[in-house]
N, C-alpha and C. Protein backbone atom coordinates (compact mmCIF):
# COMPACT_ATOMS: atom_id res chain seq x y z
N MET A 1 -5.22 44.86 -21.75
CA MET A 1 -3.84 44.80 -20.76
C MET A 1 -4.59 44.52 -19.32
N GLN A 2 -4.15 43.54 -18.80
CA GLN A 2 -4.75 42.95 -17.64
C GLN A 2 -4.25 43.48 -16.55
N ASN A 3 -4.67 43.80 -15.51
CA ASN A 3 -4.14 44.49 -14.23
C ASN A 3 -4.05 43.57 -13.06
N THR A 4 -3.21 43.23 -12.86
CA THR A 4 -3.12 42.13 -11.55
C THR A 4 -2.22 42.74 -10.28
N THR A 5 -2.68 42.15 -9.11
CA THR A 5 -2.18 42.87 -7.95
C THR A 5 -1.64 41.57 -7.06
N HIS A 6 -0.33 41.84 -6.65
CA HIS A 6 0.10 40.51 -5.82
C HIS A 6 0.20 41.26 -4.42
N ASP A 7 -0.02 40.44 -3.49
CA ASP A 7 -0.02 40.57 -1.92
C ASP A 7 1.64 40.22 -1.94
N ASN A 8 2.10 40.72 -0.81
CA ASN A 8 3.72 40.53 -0.25
C ASN A 8 3.12 39.91 1.08
N VAL A 9 3.99 39.00 1.35
CA VAL A 9 4.12 38.55 2.80
C VAL A 9 5.70 38.68 3.42
N ILE A 10 5.63 38.89 4.65
CA ILE A 10 6.95 38.96 5.19
C ILE A 10 7.22 37.68 6.06
N LEU A 11 8.18 36.87 5.66
CA LEU A 11 8.69 35.57 6.59
C LEU A 11 9.86 35.86 7.40
N GLU A 12 10.03 35.54 8.63
CA GLU A 12 10.94 35.82 9.65
C GLU A 12 11.40 34.44 9.83
N LEU A 13 12.77 34.32 9.52
CA LEU A 13 13.63 33.30 9.77
C LEU A 13 14.63 33.38 11.02
N THR A 14 14.92 32.50 11.77
CA THR A 14 16.04 32.34 12.69
C THR A 14 17.02 31.32 12.04
N VAL A 15 18.26 31.85 11.60
CA VAL A 15 19.12 30.89 11.37
C VAL A 15 20.61 30.83 12.15
N ARG A 16 21.31 29.84 12.19
CA ARG A 16 22.59 29.97 12.66
C ARG A 16 23.53 30.91 11.73
N ASN A 17 24.28 31.72 12.48
CA ASN A 17 24.90 32.48 11.60
C ASN A 17 26.12 32.12 11.08
N HIS A 18 26.63 31.82 9.88
CA HIS A 18 27.74 31.47 9.54
C HIS A 18 27.84 31.50 8.24
N PRO A 19 29.28 31.52 7.62
CA PRO A 19 29.47 31.92 6.12
C PRO A 19 28.74 30.83 5.02
N GLY A 20 27.77 31.73 4.14
CA GLY A 20 26.97 30.96 3.36
C GLY A 20 25.54 30.67 3.54
N VAL A 21 25.05 31.38 4.66
CA VAL A 21 23.79 30.98 5.14
C VAL A 21 22.75 31.93 4.30
N MET A 22 23.30 33.01 3.84
CA MET A 22 22.27 33.62 2.90
C MET A 22 22.25 32.89 1.50
N THR A 23 23.20 32.34 0.94
CA THR A 23 22.96 31.65 -0.22
C THR A 23 22.34 30.43 -0.11
N HIS A 24 22.40 29.72 1.19
CA HIS A 24 21.51 28.88 1.46
C HIS A 24 20.00 28.92 1.22
N VAL A 25 19.61 30.15 2.18
CA VAL A 25 18.20 30.76 2.18
C VAL A 25 17.92 31.00 0.90
N CYS A 26 18.51 31.86 0.40
CA CYS A 26 18.08 32.46 -1.25
C CYS A 26 17.83 31.24 -2.16
N GLY A 27 18.82 30.35 -2.07
CA GLY A 27 18.78 29.09 -3.06
C GLY A 27 17.62 28.02 -2.61
N LEU A 28 17.12 28.27 -1.58
CA LEU A 28 15.89 27.28 -1.07
C LEU A 28 14.57 27.95 -1.88
N PHE A 29 14.78 29.60 -1.77
CA PHE A 29 13.56 30.04 -2.46
C PHE A 29 13.65 30.19 -4.20
N ALA A 30 15.01 30.02 -4.63
CA ALA A 30 15.04 30.07 -5.83
C ALA A 30 14.71 28.78 -6.71
N ARG A 31 15.09 27.92 -5.98
CA ARG A 31 14.78 26.29 -6.30
C ARG A 31 13.34 26.39 -6.50
N ARG A 32 12.33 26.95 -5.88
CA ARG A 32 11.07 26.93 -5.95
C ARG A 32 10.19 28.06 -6.60
N ALA A 33 11.08 28.75 -7.21
CA ALA A 33 10.68 29.72 -8.23
C ALA A 33 10.15 31.00 -7.39
N PHE A 34 10.63 31.24 -6.40
CA PHE A 34 9.74 32.46 -5.65
C PHE A 34 10.69 33.61 -5.89
N ASN A 35 9.88 34.57 -5.98
CA ASN A 35 10.57 36.01 -6.04
C ASN A 35 11.02 36.75 -4.96
N VAL A 36 12.30 37.06 -4.25
CA VAL A 36 12.26 37.64 -3.23
C VAL A 36 12.50 39.27 -3.38
N GLU A 37 11.49 39.81 -2.99
CA GLU A 37 11.71 41.17 -3.32
C GLU A 37 12.34 42.24 -2.59
N GLY A 38 12.75 41.69 -1.10
CA GLY A 38 13.40 42.44 -0.16
C GLY A 38 13.98 41.25 0.89
N ILE A 39 15.17 41.84 1.76
CA ILE A 39 15.85 40.96 2.56
C ILE A 39 16.39 41.83 3.62
N LEU A 40 16.25 41.65 4.88
CA LEU A 40 16.81 42.13 5.90
C LEU A 40 17.22 41.28 6.84
N CYS A 41 18.58 41.39 7.50
CA CYS A 41 19.14 39.98 8.25
C CYS A 41 19.98 41.23 9.21
N LEU A 42 19.86 40.75 10.57
CA LEU A 42 20.22 41.12 11.89
C LEU A 42 20.76 40.30 12.57
N PRO A 43 22.14 40.59 13.03
CA PRO A 43 22.47 39.22 14.03
C PRO A 43 21.68 39.39 15.64
N ILE A 44 21.30 38.48 16.40
CA ILE A 44 21.00 38.33 17.41
C ILE A 44 22.11 38.75 18.61
N GLN A 45 21.95 39.55 19.40
CA GLN A 45 22.84 40.08 20.32
C GLN A 45 23.40 38.72 21.11
N ASP A 46 24.66 38.68 21.56
CA ASP A 46 25.38 37.49 22.12
C ASP A 46 24.67 36.33 21.97
N SER A 47 24.72 35.89 20.52
CA SER A 47 24.23 34.54 19.93
C SER A 47 25.06 34.39 18.64
N ASP A 48 24.93 32.89 18.34
CA ASP A 48 25.60 32.88 16.94
C ASP A 48 24.34 32.83 15.99
N LYS A 49 23.24 33.55 16.22
CA LYS A 49 22.13 33.25 15.34
C LYS A 49 21.83 34.64 15.03
N SER A 50 20.91 34.80 13.66
CA SER A 50 20.57 35.93 13.04
C SER A 50 19.08 35.88 12.86
N HIS A 51 18.51 37.02 12.63
CA HIS A 51 17.27 36.99 12.13
C HIS A 51 16.96 37.32 10.69
N ILE A 52 16.23 36.65 9.81
CA ILE A 52 16.41 37.19 8.59
C ILE A 52 15.01 37.51 8.18
N TRP A 53 14.49 38.44 7.91
CA TRP A 53 13.10 38.89 7.07
C TRP A 53 13.25 39.02 5.79
N LEU A 54 12.23 38.04 5.28
CA LEU A 54 12.12 38.07 3.35
C LEU A 54 10.79 38.69 3.13
N LEU A 55 10.83 39.56 2.17
CA LEU A 55 9.59 40.06 1.55
C LEU A 55 9.38 39.30 0.23
N VAL A 56 8.47 38.58 0.22
CA VAL A 56 8.09 37.72 -0.84
C VAL A 56 6.69 37.89 -1.29
N ASN A 57 6.31 37.46 -2.59
CA ASN A 57 5.00 37.41 -3.14
C ASN A 57 4.25 36.45 -2.61
N ASP A 58 3.16 36.91 -2.16
CA ASP A 58 2.24 35.93 -1.56
C ASP A 58 1.54 34.70 -2.54
N ASP A 59 1.86 33.57 -2.14
CA ASP A 59 1.55 32.47 -3.20
C ASP A 59 0.99 31.34 -2.21
N GLN A 60 0.11 30.71 -3.11
CA GLN A 60 -0.47 29.53 -2.25
C GLN A 60 0.61 28.40 -1.99
N ARG A 61 1.73 28.56 -2.62
CA ARG A 61 2.82 27.70 -2.61
C ARG A 61 3.61 27.78 -1.13
N LEU A 62 3.53 28.98 -0.72
CA LEU A 62 4.13 29.25 0.69
C LEU A 62 3.23 28.30 1.93
N GLU A 63 2.06 28.13 1.81
CA GLU A 63 1.56 27.26 2.72
C GLU A 63 2.22 25.88 2.81
N GLN A 64 2.73 25.14 1.77
CA GLN A 64 3.37 23.90 2.01
C GLN A 64 4.74 23.90 2.08
N ASP A 65 5.39 25.19 2.06
CA ASP A 65 6.75 25.01 2.69
C ASP A 65 7.05 25.71 3.93
N ASP A 66 6.15 25.78 4.83
CA ASP A 66 6.14 26.48 6.22
C ASP A 66 7.04 25.45 6.99
N LYS A 67 7.25 24.39 6.71
CA LYS A 67 8.23 23.26 7.66
C LYS A 67 9.52 23.66 7.99
N PRO A 68 9.88 23.58 9.00
CA PRO A 68 11.50 23.96 9.14
C PRO A 68 12.23 22.83 8.43
N ASN A 69 13.38 23.66 8.01
CA ASN A 69 14.52 22.66 7.29
C ASN A 69 15.69 22.50 8.29
N ARG A 70 16.44 21.37 8.45
CA ARG A 70 17.42 21.07 9.42
C ARG A 70 18.68 20.77 8.71
C-alpha cells in the first residue's frame, strides 16, 4: 500500500457578488479536475464584492491558472 500526502493551498479570490458566482467559481475548478476541499465566502462590507477562500490540493497545475479571469 502506497502512502501519499497531499499539501493543500488556500486561494483567496475577490469576486463581484451576484447570483451564480459560486457556481461559476466552482465550475472553473471542476473543469480543470481540481478537488475543492473547503470553501468560505464572506461579503466585503459596504461593497458589491465578496472574498472567497478555497482550500484545494496543492498541484503543479495551480501555477498555470493564476491569471485573473474577466
